[in-house]
Amino acid sequence: MDFEERIASLRDELIDLRRDFHKHPELGFQEHRTSGVVEEYLRELGLPVKRLAGTGVVALLEGRGAGPVLLLRADMDALPVQEENDVPYRSVNEGVMHACGHDAHTAMLLVAAKVLAEQRDQIPGTIKLVFQPNEETTAEPPGAEAMIADGVLADPKVDAAMALHIWTPLSSGQIGTDSGPVTATLDVFRIVVKGRGGHTGFPEQAVDPIIAASAIVQAVQTIQTREISLMKPTIIMFGKIQGGTKSNIVPDHVTLEGSMRYLYEGGEGSEEDPEGRLKRIVEAVGAAHRVHCDLEMHCENRAVVNHPGMTALARRTAVEVLGKRGGESGSLVSYSCTAGEDFSDFAAQVPSVLYFLGTGNEAKGSCYPHHNPRFDIDEDVLPLGVEMHVRGAMNFFEKKGGDARAEES
């Protein structure tokens, strides 16, 4: 089969699916309509389907006989963002939007499933098609963790996994990945700075948590600029500051919320230990300002660490897909970023690769950052994503799974 030609024939269906999902976004573990559409589509392909983790959908595409099992994953959830795009497929759900490309991920994997199902006699093994809820972790637990707990990697046991992410920081048609960490560990934290309330006309009678909180925001920035090597990217950001009721009242507490991201094997006990450094500085600054600080922190995602052999397979597939187009549609680049992705839970269990499909195109308005209310994609890249899924899977089985996993980049 000429995969490019077959996928081109499904272009309208592919775009219609993506726009339908975009128009009807749902938050994590609330993807009831989305799951229903996915389930019906897969059943029409003759695939056995089951639900995991509530709204997660898993289908098995069994080939011509026993062999390795490859997991292909797409995430389905949207974000609590009010869309500002004026397009026919604008979100009809107030305050909810597909602002990260998961609508495209779901549509591309569905169409890839159709093409792969037509080739099942050529597949010496099994493909497990996974449509995951709650990647954005708006509720706990993260979707990947919940699906793994429900047995998605078993029965049959998964040997390897692949996933792609639409990405506006890359130009349309570029494909980016690398071996090793390609997304960051993401820790989220909450600091309650407790002082003593009072009158702003008599500040000496109070213990001001606002000035202490301001000092904390400034002081922790030294972690990534003075304590950890610049060769080991670390980002500490505050996304929320809340405190006070009136301009002439010193509040008794201020709440800070933020995130820490890093692209290396860190964590408690490591040489870098960014979490420990944050705790030390918060406590020291609090003591200096006579306030008490309660710090809560939890890891939302670990870094996605790409397996060398699976990365080599994905890169070889990208060269094949892009090369057939004479280099006009994009290029293969080495790429990593400080976004978080719970595909890391799959990558921690089986040899895996996550790669990025560029969709940044200023002329088409697909240049806004992820999670922005104007986020949109260049739909011309959707067939590329489908072909990457299809050829990636076929290349995996061509190597009979084990050889592909051993291949070095």
Foldseek 3Di string as FASTA:
>chain_A
DPLLVVLVVCLVVLVVQLLQLQQEAAAFLGCQVVLVVLVVLVVVLVWDWDDFPNSKIKTKLAADEAFAEEEEEAERHWDQAAFDDDDPSHHPDGRTGRQFCSSLQSSLLSVLSNVVSVVRHLFHHMYMYIYWGAFVCPDDDHGVVRRVVRPSCVPPHHAEYEYEGAFQVFAFQEKAADAFFFEWWKKKKKKKKFWAKDWQVCCVVIQASVVLVVVLVVVLVCLCVPPDDVVKDKDKDWDDKDDDDDPGMRTRIIMIITMMIIRDPEDPPDPSHSVVVSVVSSCVSSVVSVIDMDMDMDTNAHTQGAQQLLVVLLQVLSCVLCVVVVVPRYYYDYHHYHHGGNVSVVVVPHHYTYMYRYFHDVVVQQNDGGPDSSHDGDSVNSSVSSSSVNVSSSSCVVCSPVNSSPDGD
